[in-house]
Amino acid sequence: MTTESPLHNKYSLVRGAARRARQLQSGALPTIAAKSIKACRVAQDEIEQGSVKFVLPVQTVEPPLPVLS
């Protein structure tokens, strides 16, 4: 697994914030003192401040299967 910057691209930032927001809605405690009570905003602030990190799996390329004739 590799640790990616939260600003690697917008798509990964949105996915990370959405996952963290679901965790917050399920009862996880915020890692920062947020000004907002909305889970999505708190998740974005946590990622922006670096208190929450998300890890992307390393993609492996499988060799093609041999063709049987």
Protein backbone atom coordinates (compact mmCIF):
# COMPACT_ATOMS: atom_id res chain seq x y z
CA MET A 1 0.00 0.00 0.00
CA THR A 2 1.13 3.52 -0.66
CA THR A 3 0.26 6.71 1.15
CA GLU A 4 -0.93 9.37 -1.24
CA SER A 5 -1.20 13.10 -0.74
CA PRO A 6 -4.83 14.11 -0.20
CA LEU A 7 -4.43 16.58 -3.04
CA HIS A 8 -3.11 13.94 -5.46
CA ASN A 9 -6.21 14.62 -7.51
CA LYS A 10 -9.74 15.84 -6.84
CA TYR A 11 -11.27 12.41 -7.30
CA SER A 12 -9.20 10.77 -4.56
CA LEU A 13 -9.85 13.73 -2.25
CA VAL A 14 -13.61 13.37 -2.72
CA ARG A 15 -13.50 9.59 -2.20
CA GLY A 16 -11.41 9.95 0.95
CA ALA A 17 -13.66 12.66 2.38
CA ALA A 18 -16.79 10.63 1.60
CA ARG A 19 -15.39 7.55 3.32
CA ARG A 20 -14.35 9.58 6.38
CA ALA A 21 -17.75 11.33 6.48
CA ARG A 22 -19.47 7.92 6.58
CA GLN A 23 -17.21 6.93 9.48
CA LEU A 24 -18.13 10.14 11.33
CA GLN A 25 -21.85 9.55 10.72
CA SER A 26 -21.45 6.02 12.09
CA GLY A 27 -20.09 7.33 15.38
CA ALA A 28 -16.35 7.87 14.87
CA LEU A 29 -14.98 10.81 16.81
CA PRO A 30 -13.51 13.77 14.90
CA THR A 31 -9.73 14.12 15.18
CA ILE A 32 -9.86 17.94 15.16
CA ALA A 33 -11.94 20.63 16.81
CA ALA A 34 -14.10 21.49 13.82
CA LYS A 35 -16.22 24.61 13.43
CA SER A 36 -18.90 22.68 11.54
CA ILE A 37 -21.09 19.84 12.76
CA LYS A 38 -21.63 18.48 9.25
CA ALA A 39 -19.74 15.23 8.71
CA CYS A 40 -18.67 16.07 5.14
CA ARG A 41 -17.16 19.43 6.14
CA VAL A 42 -15.41 17.91 9.18
CA ALA A 43 -13.95 15.16 6.98
CA GLN A 44 -12.65 17.72 4.47
CA ASP A 45 -11.08 19.78 7.25
CA GLU A 46 -9.44 16.69 8.77
CA ILE A 47 -7.87 15.71 5.44
CA GLU A 48 -6.82 19.29 4.71
CA GLN A 49 -5.05 19.59 8.09
CA GLY A 50 -3.41 16.20 7.69
CA SER A 51 -4.94 14.63 10.79
CA VAL A 52 -6.54 11.89 8.68
CA LYS A 53 -4.76 10.06 5.90
CA PHE A 54 -6.05 7.54 3.44
CA VAL A 55 -4.10 4.79 1.77
CA LEU A 56 -4.50 3.63 -1.80
CA PRO A 57 -3.69 0.00 -2.63
CA VAL A 58 -0.82 -0.65 -4.98
CA GLN A 59 -2.15 -1.87 -8.29
CA THR A 60 -0.37 -4.91 -9.66
CA VAL A 61 -0.40 -5.91 -13.27
CA GLU A 62 -1.05 -9.59 -13.85
CA PRO A 63 0.66 -11.27 -16.79
CA PRO A 64 -1.69 -12.23 -19.63
CA LEU A 65 -2.92 -15.79 -19.75
CA PRO A 66 -1.28 -18.00 -22.39
CA VAL A 67 -3.34 -18.67 -25.49
CA LEU A 68 -4.05 -22.36 -25.97
CA SER A 69 -4.26 -23.50 -29.58
